[in-house]
N, C-alpha and C. Protein backbone atom coordinates (compact mmCIF):
# COMPACT_ATOMS: atom_id res chain seq x y z
N UNK A 1 -17.55 -30.69 14.62
CA UNK A 1 -17.53 -29.67 15.59
C UNK A 1 -16.06 -29.06 15.14
N UNK A 2 -15.99 -27.67 15.00
CA UNK A 2 -15.20 -27.28 14.90
C UNK A 2 -13.46 -27.20 15.78
N UNK A 3 -12.64 -26.91 15.05
CA UNK A 3 -11.40 -26.77 15.63
C UNK A 3 -11.44 -25.60 16.69
N UNK A 4 -10.55 -25.77 17.72
CA UNK A 4 -10.69 -24.79 18.73
C UNK A 4 -8.92 -24.25 18.74
N UNK A 5 -8.38 -24.84 18.20
CA UNK A 5 -6.92 -24.16 17.79
C UNK A 5 -7.02 -23.38 16.43
N UNK A 6 -6.92 -22.01 16.55
CA UNK A 6 -7.45 -21.21 15.61
C UNK A 6 -5.99 -20.61 15.03
N UNK A 7 -5.03 -20.85 15.28
CA UNK A 7 -3.39 -20.77 14.87
C UNK A 7 -2.30 -20.09 16.00
N UNK A 8 -1.46 -19.22 15.16
CA UNK A 8 -0.49 -18.58 16.06
C UNK A 8 0.05 -17.25 15.44
N UNK A 9 -0.20 -16.26 16.06
CA UNK A 9 0.43 -14.45 15.59
C UNK A 9 1.53 -14.60 15.89
N UNK A 10 2.66 -14.38 15.15
CA UNK A 10 3.90 -13.93 15.78
C UNK A 10 4.37 -12.56 15.05
N UNK A 11 4.54 -11.54 16.19
CA UNK A 11 4.81 -10.00 15.51
C UNK A 11 6.04 -10.27 14.59
N UNK A 12 6.89 -11.18 14.76
CA UNK A 12 8.33 -11.21 13.82
C UNK A 12 8.07 -11.62 12.62
N UNK A 13 6.61 -12.06 11.97
CA UNK A 13 6.04 -12.08 10.94
C UNK A 13 5.33 -11.34 10.29
N UNK A 14 5.55 -10.15 10.92
CA UNK A 14 4.72 -8.83 10.22
C UNK A 14 5.36 -8.04 9.67
N UNK A 15 6.16 -7.94 8.46
CA UNK A 15 6.78 -6.78 7.59
C UNK A 15 6.20 -5.48 7.12
N UNK A 16 7.20 -4.86 7.53
CA UNK A 16 6.56 -3.50 6.49
C UNK A 16 7.44 -2.97 5.36
N UNK A 17 7.51 -2.83 4.23
CA UNK A 17 8.45 -2.48 3.35
C UNK A 17 8.05 -1.03 2.73
N UNK A 18 8.84 0.07 2.69
CA UNK A 18 8.49 1.14 2.16
C UNK A 18 9.77 1.46 1.36
N UNK A 19 9.45 1.82 -0.26
CA UNK A 19 10.22 2.36 -1.23
C UNK A 19 11.24 0.80 -1.59
N UNK A 20 10.55 -0.61 -0.97
CA UNK A 20 11.49 -1.61 -1.21
C UNK A 20 12.46 -1.80 -0.33
N UNK A 21 12.60 -0.93 1.08
CA UNK A 21 13.13 -1.19 1.84
C UNK A 21 12.47 -1.59 3.30
N UNK A 22 12.97 -2.68 3.89
CA UNK A 22 12.32 -3.73 5.02
C UNK A 22 12.79 -2.48 6.13
N UNK A 23 11.44 -2.11 7.04
CA UNK A 23 11.88 -1.10 7.85
C UNK A 23 11.60 -2.29 9.32
N UNK A 24 12.72 -1.52 10.22
CA UNK A 24 12.81 -2.52 11.26
C UNK A 24 12.69 -1.13 12.82
N UNK A 25 12.95 -2.03 13.79
CA UNK A 25 12.92 -0.90 14.84
C UNK A 25 11.86 -0.66 15.26
N UNK A 26 10.59 -1.20 15.56
CA UNK A 26 9.31 -1.00 15.97
C UNK A 26 9.22 -1.01 17.57
N UNK A 27 8.24 0.24 17.80
CA UNK A 27 8.21 0.44 19.10
C UNK A 27 7.51 -0.78 19.55
N UNK A 28 6.95 -0.66 21.36
CA UNK A 28 6.04 -1.88 21.61
C UNK A 28 4.53 -1.34 21.49
N UNK A 29 3.85 -2.50 21.37
CA UNK A 29 2.33 -2.26 21.54
C UNK A 29 2.23 -1.95 20.19
N UNK A 30 0.66 -1.64 19.55
CA UNK A 30 0.27 -1.53 18.25
C UNK A 30 1.44 -1.17 17.01
N UNK A 31 2.12 -1.22 16.81
CA UNK A 31 3.05 -0.97 15.90
C UNK A 31 3.03 -0.42 14.54
N UNK A 32 1.75 -1.40 13.64
CA UNK A 32 1.48 -1.01 12.32
C UNK A 32 -0.05 -0.76 12.72
N UNK A 33 -0.09 0.01 11.89
CA UNK A 33 -2.21 0.21 11.80
C UNK A 33 -2.62 0.95 10.12
N UNK A 34 -3.11 -0.22 9.60
CA UNK A 34 -3.67 0.06 8.23
C UNK A 34 -5.32 0.35 8.20
N UNK A 35 -5.71 1.31 7.60
CA UNK A 35 -7.12 2.10 7.55
C UNK A 35 -7.23 2.68 6.08
N UNK A 36 -8.33 2.42 5.67
CA UNK A 36 -9.01 2.95 4.56
C UNK A 36 -9.47 4.45 4.86
N UNK A 37 -9.60 5.48 4.17
CA UNK A 37 -10.12 6.82 4.40
C UNK A 37 -11.64 7.04 4.75
N UNK A 38 -11.92 5.75 3.83
CA UNK A 38 -13.51 5.33 3.76
C UNK A 38 -13.87 3.93 3.73
N UNK A 39 -13.83 3.24 4.78
CA UNK A 39 -14.10 1.69 4.38
C UNK A 39 -15.41 1.39 4.53
N UNK A 40 -16.16 2.24 3.52
CA UNK A 40 -17.79 1.39 3.05
C UNK A 40 -17.50 1.12 1.62
N UNK A 41 -17.82 -0.29 1.83
CA UNK A 41 -17.36 -0.95 0.19
C UNK A 41 -18.76 -0.43 -0.85
N UNK A 42 -20.12 0.25 -0.11
CA UNK A 42 -20.75 0.45 -0.91
C UNK A 42 -21.97 1.57 -0.23
N UNK A 43 -22.37 3.03 -0.97
CA UNK A 43 -22.84 3.49 -0.64
C UNK A 43 -24.34 3.44 -0.84
N UNK A 44 -25.05 3.67 0.35
CA UNK A 44 -26.70 3.15 -0.01
C UNK A 44 -27.39 4.52 -0.27
N UNK A 45 -28.33 4.79 -1.16
CA UNK A 45 -29.41 5.70 -1.40
C UNK A 45 -30.80 4.69 -1.40
N UNK A 46 -31.28 5.55 -0.54
CA UNK A 46 -32.90 5.49 -0.37
C UNK A 46 -33.66 6.39 -1.06
N UNK A 47 -34.45 5.93 -2.01
CA UNK A 47 -35.34 7.23 -2.67
C UNK A 47 -36.52 7.50 -2.08
N UNK A 48 -37.20 8.74 -2.49
CA UNK A 48 -38.37 8.89 -1.91
C UNK A 48 -39.28 7.74 -1.23
N UNK A 49 -39.45 6.78 -2.48
CA UNK A 49 -40.68 5.85 -2.14
C UNK A 49 -39.84 4.13 -1.16
N UNK A 50 -38.95 4.89 -0.82
CA UNK A 50 -37.88 3.53 -0.20
C UNK A 50 -37.22 2.52 -1.23
N UNK A 51 -37.19 2.87 -2.33
CA UNK A 51 -36.40 2.28 -3.11
C UNK A 51 -34.99 2.33 -2.78
N UNK A 52 -34.41 0.93 -2.87
CA UNK A 52 -32.86 1.45 -2.10
C UNK A 52 -32.16 1.05 -3.32
N UNK A 53 -30.60 1.55 -3.66
CA UNK A 53 -29.67 1.53 -4.61
C UNK A 53 -28.47 1.62 -3.83
N UNK A 54 -27.33 0.94 -4.21
CA UNK A 54 -26.16 1.15 -3.61
C UNK A 54 -25.21 1.43 -4.94
N UNK A 55 -24.16 2.46 -4.57
CA UNK A 55 -23.30 2.68 -5.69
C UNK A 55 -21.69 2.19 -4.90
N UNK A 56 -20.98 1.35 -5.68
CA UNK A 56 -19.36 0.72 -5.31
C UNK A 56 -18.97 2.12 -4.86
N UNK A 57 -18.14 2.00 -3.90
CA UNK A 57 -17.12 3.26 -3.07
C UNK A 57 -15.97 2.93 -3.75
N UNK A 58 -15.29 3.79 -4.85
CA UNK A 58 -14.19 3.46 -5.61
C UNK A 58 -13.05 4.40 -4.91
N UNK A 59 -13.24 5.00 -4.11
CA UNK A 59 -12.25 5.55 -3.04
C UNK A 59 -11.04 4.56 -2.39
N UNK A 60 -10.46 4.37 -3.00
CA UNK A 60 -9.00 3.56 -2.48
C UNK A 60 -8.35 4.20 -1.72
N UNK A 61 -8.26 5.53 -1.25
CA UNK A 61 -6.75 5.70 -0.64
C UNK A 61 -7.16 5.52 1.17
N UNK A 62 -6.08 5.79 1.31
CA UNK A 62 -6.05 5.65 3.07
C UNK A 62 -4.77 5.67 3.77
N UNK A 63 -4.71 5.27 4.90
CA UNK A 63 -3.24 5.55 5.77
C UNK A 63 -2.75 4.58 6.48
N UNK A 64 -1.18 4.37 6.49
CA UNK A 64 -0.28 3.42 6.93
C UNK A 64 0.63 4.00 8.04
N UNK A 65 -0.02 3.91 9.21
CA UNK A 65 0.81 4.45 10.55
C UNK A 65 1.10 3.70 11.55
N UNK A 66 2.58 3.73 11.57
CA UNK A 66 3.68 2.88 12.16
C UNK A 66 4.58 3.47 13.34
N UNK A 67 4.72 2.94 13.86
CA UNK A 67 5.68 3.60 15.36
C UNK A 67 6.96 3.03 15.38
N UNK A 68 8.09 3.71 15.20
CA UNK A 68 9.56 3.31 15.05
C UNK A 68 10.22 3.59 16.74
N UNK A 69 10.80 2.84 17.38
CA UNK A 69 11.61 3.07 18.34
C UNK A 69 12.64 4.49 17.75
N UNK A 70 12.87 5.45 18.67
CA UNK A 70 13.71 6.49 18.27
C UNK A 70 15.48 6.06 17.96
N UNK A 71 15.28 5.08 18.20
CA UNK A 71 17.08 5.01 17.88
C UNK A 71 17.09 3.63 16.64
N UNK A 72 15.46 3.50 15.83
CA UNK A 72 15.74 3.08 14.40
C UNK A 72 16.47 3.91 13.48
N UNK A 73 17.29 3.26 12.76
CA UNK A 73 18.09 3.90 11.76
C UNK A 73 16.75 3.97 10.68
N UNK A 74 15.83 3.31 10.65
CA UNK A 74 14.81 4.18 9.86
C UNK A 74 14.22 5.00 9.75
N UNK A 75 14.31 5.90 11.14
CA UNK A 75 13.83 6.94 10.99
C UNK A 75 14.48 8.00 9.84
N UNK A 76 15.84 8.00 10.14
CA UNK A 76 16.97 8.92 8.81
C UNK A 76 16.54 8.57 7.50
N UNK A 77 16.02 7.09 7.18
CA UNK A 77 15.74 6.77 5.97
C UNK A 77 14.21 7.81 5.78
N UNK A 78 13.31 7.77 6.96
CA UNK A 78 12.26 8.09 6.34
C UNK A 78 12.27 9.36 6.05
N UNK A 79 13.40 10.19 6.86
CA UNK A 79 13.51 11.84 7.26
C UNK A 79 13.56 12.05 5.43
N UNK A 80 14.42 11.52 4.95
CA UNK A 80 15.09 11.75 3.53
C UNK A 80 14.05 11.45 2.12
N UNK A 81 13.07 10.65 2.56
CA UNK A 81 11.93 9.86 1.73
C UNK A 81 10.85 10.84 2.03
N UNK A 82 10.62 11.56 2.94
CA UNK A 82 9.46 12.35 3.31
C UNK A 82 9.71 13.95 2.31
N UNK A 83 10.94 13.96 2.21
CA UNK A 83 10.98 15.36 1.11
C UNK A 83 10.98 15.17 -0.51
N UNK A 84 11.02 13.77 -0.88
CA UNK A 84 11.10 13.71 -2.27
C UNK A 84 9.81 13.96 -2.68
N UNK A 85 9.69 14.54 -4.21
CA UNK A 85 8.77 14.88 -4.66
C UNK A 85 7.59 13.80 -5.29
N UNK A 86 8.68 12.43 -5.43
CA UNK A 86 7.92 11.24 -6.16
C UNK A 86 7.01 10.11 -4.92
N UNK A 87 6.25 9.66 -5.23
CA UNK A 87 5.52 8.47 -4.60
C UNK A 87 6.27 7.36 -4.36
N UNK A 88 6.22 6.51 -3.76
CA UNK A 88 6.77 5.23 -3.67
C UNK A 88 5.84 4.13 -3.33
N UNK A 89 6.06 2.59 -3.59
CA UNK A 89 5.43 1.64 -2.94
C UNK A 89 5.71 1.60 -1.27
N UNK A 90 4.11 0.78 -0.91
CA UNK A 90 4.23 0.56 0.61
C UNK A 90 3.66 -1.22 0.61
N UNK A 91 4.42 -1.58 1.43
CA UNK A 91 3.44 -2.88 1.91
C UNK A 91 3.69 -3.42 3.23
N UNK A 92 2.23 -4.13 3.78
CA UNK A 92 2.62 -4.69 5.22
C UNK A 92 2.06 -5.90 5.07
N UNK A 93 2.77 -6.84 5.67
CA UNK A 93 2.45 -8.57 5.32
C UNK A 93 2.62 -9.12 6.57
N UNK A 94 1.61 -9.74 7.07
CA UNK A 94 1.88 -10.99 7.88
C UNK A 94 1.85 -12.16 7.55
N UNK A 95 2.81 -12.76 7.83
CA UNK A 95 3.04 -14.35 7.18
C UNK A 95 2.96 -15.27 8.28
N UNK A 96 2.52 -15.14 9.44
CA UNK A 96 1.80 -15.95 10.42
C UNK A 96 0.58 -16.37 10.20
N UNK A 97 0.12 -17.39 10.85
CA UNK A 97 -1.37 -17.48 10.97
C UNK A 97 -2.34 -16.27 10.84
N UNK A 98 -3.48 -16.54 9.99
CA UNK A 98 -4.11 -15.06 9.96
C UNK A 98 -3.40 -14.00 8.91
N UNK A 99 -3.34 -14.54 7.85
CA UNK A 99 -2.15 -13.84 6.67
C UNK A 99 -3.34 -12.95 6.27
N UNK A 100 -2.18 -11.85 6.20
CA UNK A 100 -2.77 -10.29 6.00
C UNK A 100 -1.81 -9.22 4.80
N UNK A 101 -2.29 -8.66 3.68
CA UNK A 101 -1.48 -8.25 3.17
C UNK A 101 -2.34 -7.05 2.78
N UNK A 102 -1.33 -5.75 2.69
CA UNK A 102 -1.66 -4.41 2.22
C UNK A 102 -0.47 -3.78 1.32
N UNK A 103 -1.13 -3.52 -0.07
CA UNK A 103 -0.06 -2.85 -0.89
C UNK A 103 -0.83 -1.27 -1.36
N UNK A 104 0.37 -0.74 -1.78
CA UNK A 104 0.09 0.72 -2.34
C UNK A 104 1.15 1.02 -3.39
N UNK A 105 0.77 1.14 -4.52
CA UNK A 105 1.53 1.51 -5.17
C UNK A 105 2.04 3.34 -4.96
N UNK A 106 1.27 4.10 -4.64
CA UNK A 106 1.73 5.46 -4.72
C UNK A 106 1.46 5.79 -3.17
N UNK A 107 2.59 6.08 -2.37
CA UNK A 107 2.38 6.31 -0.90
C UNK A 107 3.28 7.58 -0.97
N UNK A 108 2.98 8.31 0.46
CA UNK A 108 4.21 9.54 0.58
C UNK A 108 3.85 9.76 2.05
N UNK A 109 4.88 10.13 2.85
CA UNK A 109 4.90 10.56 4.11
C UNK A 109 3.96 11.79 4.29
N UNK A 110 2.79 11.65 4.94
CA UNK A 110 2.21 12.85 5.10
C UNK A 110 2.35 13.87 6.18
N UNK A 111 2.97 13.37 7.36
CA UNK A 111 3.06 14.08 8.68
C UNK A 111 4.54 14.05 9.05
N UNK A 112 5.05 15.22 9.64
CA UNK A 112 6.57 15.27 9.76
C UNK A 112 6.08 14.96 11.61
N UNK A 113 6.85 13.66 11.99
CA UNK A 113 6.53 13.48 13.17
C UNK A 113 7.03 14.13 13.89
N UNK A 114 6.40 13.77 15.44
CA UNK A 114 6.93 14.55 16.73
C UNK A 114 8.15 14.20 17.05
N UNK A 115 8.87 14.73 17.87
CA UNK A 115 9.92 13.95 18.60
C UNK A 115 10.06 13.99 20.16
N UNK A 116 10.24 13.47 21.18
CA UNK A 116 10.17 13.58 22.56
C UNK A 116 11.13 12.75 23.24
N UNK A 117 11.70 13.67 24.26
CA UNK A 117 12.76 12.90 24.92
C UNK A 117 12.66 12.70 26.48
N UNK A 118 12.96 11.79 26.83
CA UNK A 118 12.38 11.28 28.54
C UNK A 118 13.83 10.46 29.02
N UNK A 119 13.12 9.66 30.49
CA UNK A 119 13.67 9.00 30.89
C UNK A 119 13.67 7.32 30.07
N UNK A 120 12.90 7.38 29.49
CA UNK A 120 13.19 6.06 28.54
C UNK A 120 12.87 6.40 27.29
N UNK A 121 13.28 5.55 26.40
CA UNK A 121 13.07 5.51 24.97
C UNK A 121 11.57 5.89 24.48
N UNK A 122 11.41 7.01 23.57
CA UNK A 122 9.94 7.03 22.76
C UNK A 122 10.04 6.60 21.71
N UNK A 123 8.92 6.75 21.40
CA UNK A 123 8.22 6.27 19.72
C UNK A 123 8.48 7.38 19.14
N UNK A 124 8.71 6.98 17.41
CA UNK A 124 8.57 8.32 16.88
C UNK A 124 7.31 7.46 15.46
N UNK A 125 6.22 8.28 15.61
CA UNK A 125 4.88 7.78 14.92
C UNK A 125 4.99 8.38 13.38
N UNK A 126 4.97 7.72 12.38
CA UNK A 126 5.27 7.82 10.91
C UNK A 126 3.87 7.50 10.15
N UNK A 127 3.34 8.86 9.84
CA UNK A 127 2.18 8.38 8.68
C UNK A 127 2.04 8.63 7.17
N UNK A 128 1.96 7.44 6.80
CA UNK A 128 1.83 7.40 5.15
C UNK A 128 0.54 7.08 4.70
N UNK A 129 0.46 8.16 3.98
CA UNK A 129 -1.22 8.49 2.92
C UNK A 129 -0.69 7.59 1.68
N UNK A 130 -1.85 6.46 1.40
CA UNK A 130 -1.74 5.90 0.03
C UNK A 130 -3.03 6.23 -0.64
N UNK A 131 -2.60 6.68 -1.69
CA UNK A 131 -3.54 6.82 -3.11
C UNK A 131 -4.38 5.68 -3.30
N UNK A 132 -3.78 4.30 -3.33
CA UNK A 132 -4.43 3.28 -3.76
C UNK A 132 -4.09 2.16 -3.02
N UNK A 133 -4.84 2.20 -1.76
CA UNK A 133 -4.51 1.21 -0.28
C UNK A 133 -5.40 -0.39 -0.78
N UNK A 134 -4.68 -1.44 -0.88
CA UNK A 134 -5.50 -2.79 -1.43
C UNK A 134 -4.86 -3.44 -0.21
N UNK A 135 -6.13 -4.06 0.87
CA UNK A 135 -5.86 -5.15 1.76
C UNK A 135 -7.07 -6.08 1.65
N UNK A 136 -6.05 -7.35 2.12
CA UNK A 136 -6.83 -8.41 1.90
C UNK A 136 -6.37 -9.44 3.19
N UNK A 137 -7.50 -10.20 3.80
CA UNK A 137 -7.08 -11.41 4.84
C UNK A 137 -6.79 -12.59 3.74
N UNK A 138 -5.66 -13.67 4.00
CA UNK A 138 -5.51 -14.51 2.86
C UNK A 138 -5.52 -15.74 3.72
N UNK A 139 -6.10 -16.40 2.79
CA UNK A 139 -6.21 -17.95 3.61
C UNK A 139 -4.83 -18.91 3.41
C-alpha cells in the first residue's frame, strides 16, 4: 500500500539566485514561475503513409518570472543588472520535499517592469529570459 503522506512544501525553502545574489522580498501568491519557451521534448512528424518519426527538440530557451514586493532591495539590484551588456547565471531551487532545480548560465532581464502605487503595497514582476534553461525534479 502506498504511503499517504507525500511530504511538506515550505516556501521558505525556495531560493532564487541571480548573478550569484540571493534574491529576497517576494510578493505573496505565486512568486516564481519557470517555463520553457517550447516544452515539447520531441517533435513528431508523420509521413504520407503514416510513418512516424520524432526529432529531439534542442531549444533550451525559457523564462523565469518572479514578483518582488515594492519594498524589496533587490528591485534596485535588478535595475542595475538589466542594463548590463553581458548575461548572468540564474538558479531556482526548492530544498523542501518535492525537490526541484532550474539553472541557466546565460540569462538577462527581458522586460522593464511596470510600477504601480496604491493604498496597499504592490508587486514588481521581473522576467528573465534564459538561453540555456535546464530544470529537473530531484529525488
